[in-house]
Protein backbone atom coordinates (compact mmCIF):
# COMPACT_ATOMS: atom_id res chain seq x y z
CA MET A 1 45.99 -48.43 -60.62
CA GLY A 2 47.01 -47.37 -64.26
CA ASP A 3 50.64 -47.40 -65.26
CA PRO A 4 52.43 -44.34 -64.49
CA MET A 5 54.48 -44.19 -67.81
CA SER A 6 51.25 -44.17 -69.59
CA LYS A 7 50.24 -40.98 -67.90
CA ARG A 8 53.35 -39.64 -68.79
CA THR A 9 53.44 -40.23 -72.18
CA GLU A 10 50.00 -38.99 -72.26
CA ARG A 11 51.19 -35.55 -70.99
CA ARG A 12 53.84 -34.99 -73.66
CA PRO A 13 51.40 -34.65 -76.19
CA ASN A 14 49.23 -32.00 -74.24
CA GLU A 15 52.09 -30.15 -73.25
CA ALA A 16 53.08 -29.96 -77.27
CA ARG A 17 49.92 -28.89 -77.62
CA ARG A 18 49.80 -26.40 -75.21
CA ALA A 19 53.19 -24.95 -76.34
CA SER A 20 51.56 -25.14 -80.05
CA ALA A 21 48.79 -23.41 -79.36
CA LEU A 22 50.86 -20.60 -77.06
CA GLN A 23 53.19 -20.13 -79.66
CA TRP A 24 50.54 -19.41 -82.30
CA LEU A 25 48.47 -17.44 -80.25
CA LEU A 26 51.83 -15.05 -79.69
CA SER A 27 52.47 -15.47 -83.46
CA ILE A 28 48.83 -13.96 -83.81
CA ALA A 29 49.41 -11.31 -81.14
CA VAL A 30 52.85 -10.27 -83.07
CA ALA A 31 50.69 -9.80 -86.28
CA ALA A 32 48.06 -7.88 -84.80
CA ALA A 33 50.64 -5.34 -83.45
CA ILE A 34 52.37 -5.09 -86.80
CA VAL A 35 48.98 -3.98 -88.74
CA GLY A 36 48.89 -1.78 -85.33
CA LEU A 37 52.09 -0.29 -85.99
CA LEU A 38 51.56 -0.12 -89.99
CA ILE A 39 47.99 2.06 -88.69
CA THR A 40 49.79 4.40 -86.31
CA LEU A 41 52.36 4.79 -89.05
CA ALA A 42 50.31 5.30 -92.05
CA VAL A 43 48.68 8.18 -89.84
CA ASP A 44 51.11 9.81 -87.98
CA GLU A 45 51.97 12.37 -90.43
CA ARG A 46 55.70 13.08 -89.01
CA ALA A 47 56.49 9.68 -89.08
CA ILE A 48 55.28 8.79 -92.45
CA GLY A 49 57.09 11.81 -93.89
CA SER A 50 60.07 11.04 -92.36
CA LEU A 51 59.68 7.43 -94.15
CA GLN A 52 59.00 9.46 -97.30
CA ARG A 53 61.99 11.90 -96.88
CA GLY A 54 64.17 8.75 -96.53
CA TYR A 55 63.45 7.12 -99.62
CA ALA A 56 63.37 10.53 -101.70
CA SER A 57 67.10 10.70 -100.16
CA ALA A 58 67.92 7.39 -100.99
CA ALA A 59 66.49 7.69 -104.80
CA ASN A 60 68.11 11.57 -104.97
CA SER A 61 71.52 9.98 -103.85
CA VAL A 62 70.92 6.57 -106.55
CA LEU A 63 70.57 9.19 -109.16
CA ARG A 64 73.16 11.37 -108.38
CA LEU A 65 75.62 8.39 -108.12
CA LEU A 66 74.45 7.63 -112.10
CA GLY A 67 74.95 11.19 -112.90
CA HIS A 68 71.44 13.05 -113.09
CA PRO A 69 71.48 16.33 -111.11
CA THR A 70 68.47 15.74 -109.02
CA GLN A 71 67.75 18.00 -105.86
CA ILE A 72 65.57 16.60 -103.10
CA ALA A 73 62.94 18.97 -101.75
CA GLY A 74 61.16 17.23 -98.80
CA ASN A 75 59.58 14.01 -100.60
CA VAL A 76 60.17 15.44 -104.01
CA VAL A 77 63.03 14.44 -106.31
CA GLY A 78 63.84 15.80 -109.68
CA THR A 79 65.39 18.66 -111.89
CA GLY A 80 63.59 21.78 -112.88
CA ASP A 81 62.09 19.25 -116.03
CA PHE A 82 60.83 16.27 -113.83
CA GLY A 83 60.54 14.82 -110.23
CA ILE A 84 58.67 12.24 -108.15
CA THR A 85 56.86 12.77 -105.56
CA VAL A 86 57.36 9.86 -103.06
CA VAL A 87 53.55 9.51 -101.20
CA THR A 88 52.74 7.21 -98.53
CA ALA A 89 51.62 4.21 -101.03
CA CYS A 90 55.24 4.49 -102.55
CA THR A 91 56.84 3.82 -99.40
CA GLY A 92 56.43 0.43 -99.69
CA LEU A 93 55.02 0.05 -96.19
CA PHE A 94 51.51 -1.51 -96.94
CA THR A 95 53.68 -4.79 -98.89
CA THR A 96 56.32 -4.91 -95.83
CA ALA A 97 53.71 -4.90 -93.07
CA LEU A 98 51.52 -7.80 -95.11
CA TYR A 99 55.18 -9.60 -95.54
CA LEU A 100 55.84 -9.05 -91.76
CA VAL A 101 52.46 -10.55 -91.08
CA ALA A 102 53.20 -13.91 -93.09
CA VAL A 103 56.25 -14.13 -91.38
CA ALA A 104 54.85 -13.54 -87.64
CA LEU A 105 52.27 -16.63 -88.70
CA PHE A 106 54.58 -18.98 -90.08
CA PRO A 107 55.32 -21.82 -87.92
CA THR A 108 59.00 -21.64 -87.11
CA THR A 109 61.40 -20.35 -84.36
CA TRP A 110 61.42 -16.78 -83.51
CA MET A 111 65.19 -16.57 -84.48
CA ARG A 112 63.72 -17.71 -88.02
CA LYS A 113 61.42 -15.29 -88.08
CA LEU A 114 63.57 -12.51 -87.19
CA ALA A 115 65.89 -13.49 -90.15
CA GLY A 116 62.99 -12.94 -92.07
CA VAL A 117 61.86 -10.11 -90.85
CA GLY A 118 65.25 -8.79 -91.18
CA ILE A 119 65.67 -10.10 -95.28
CA GLY A 120 62.16 -8.81 -95.87
CA ILE A 121 62.77 -5.41 -94.56
CA CYS A 122 66.15 -5.16 -96.49
CA GLY A 123 64.94 -6.76 -99.88
CA ILE A 124 61.78 -4.91 -100.07
CA ALA A 125 63.45 -1.56 -99.04
CA ILE A 126 66.06 -2.12 -101.70
CA LEU A 127 63.37 -2.78 -104.44
CA ASN A 128 61.29 -0.17 -103.62
CA ILE A 129 64.60 2.59 -104.27
CA ILE A 130 65.00 0.89 -107.70
CA ARG A 131 61.42 1.59 -108.34
CA LEU A 132 61.85 4.85 -107.45
CA VAL A 133 64.65 5.79 -109.65
CA SER A 134 63.08 3.81 -112.55
CA LEU A 135 60.43 5.65 -112.46
CA TYR A 136 62.64 8.66 -112.61
CA TYR A 137 63.99 6.96 -115.82
CA VAL A 138 60.58 6.34 -117.27
CA GLY A 139 59.64 9.98 -116.85
CA VAL A 140 62.15 11.54 -117.99
CA HIS A 141 62.97 9.30 -120.57
CA TRP A 142 59.27 8.03 -121.94
CA PRO A 143 56.68 10.01 -119.89
CA ALA A 144 54.00 8.84 -122.00
CA ALA A 145 54.47 5.21 -120.20
CA LEU A 146 54.91 6.33 -116.74
CA ASP A 147 51.45 5.91 -115.55
CA VAL A 148 51.22 2.51 -116.88
CA VAL A 149 54.87 1.39 -115.55
CA HIS A 150 54.02 2.87 -111.91
CA GLN A 151 50.22 1.79 -111.35
CA LEU A 152 50.53 -1.54 -113.50
CA VAL A 153 53.97 -2.70 -113.62
CA TRP A 154 55.92 -2.10 -110.99
CA GLN A 155 53.00 -2.65 -108.11
CA SER A 156 52.41 -6.44 -109.40
CA LEU A 157 56.45 -7.02 -109.89
CA PHE A 158 56.27 -5.39 -106.34
CA ILE A 159 53.97 -7.88 -105.37
CA ALA A 160 55.29 -10.70 -106.98
CA PHE A 161 58.51 -9.93 -105.28
CA ALA A 162 57.29 -9.97 -101.59
CA ILE A 163 55.65 -12.99 -102.50
CA ALA A 164 58.50 -14.50 -103.80
CA LEU A 165 61.08 -13.01 -101.10
CA TRP A 166 58.34 -14.96 -98.60
CA LEU A 167 58.01 -18.54 -100.27
CA LEU A 168 62.41 -18.32 -100.34
CA TRP A 169 62.33 -17.88 -96.62
CA ALA A 170 59.39 -19.79 -95.79
CA GLY A 171 61.03 -22.65 -97.64
CA ARG A 172 64.60 -22.39 -96.07
CA ALA A 173 62.52 -22.14 -92.49
CA ALA A 174 60.53 -25.13 -93.25
CA ALA A 175 63.53 -27.15 -94.40
CA ARG A 176 65.56 -26.37 -91.37
CA ARG A 177 62.67 -27.22 -88.94
CA GLY A 178 62.47 -30.25 -90.77
CA ALA A 179 66.32 -31.09 -90.73
CA ALA A 180 65.76 -30.13 -86.83
CA ARG A 181 63.57 -32.71 -86.19
């Protein structure tokens, strides 16, 4: 007969592997759900329209606080001279979804993942409002540069911001995970 202690210590690594595999499968399921939600939102005219109008309203509020007599009409913010239209690609939805998938797949606790979700959604939303306001300014004061700023500068900054935000969050989550061991 074998030593009962050796069987107990053999079982622990197997249980840990099973728990780790279950955690990984659950993370993949959450990531797949995020992608499914993104697809659903992107094709649901009412849902995406609400998001577009919400960003247009937020940008309009900031612009009015800054002294611009802008008005909002659906997903369009502007004056009689110039306006910006918030379309699906202008909502940050795709960047947010990519960030959320990266958070879901990162090996950390669900509470830390939940914190990462909140940080990412808020951070990307705030940056998107700043982006919309700045595009309005560029369109009014430097219209020849609008396409370059919109297509090249802001898209690059937006992606870089999401990656940097995730790296900061993941670094902190990993450091806390290491400290807890």
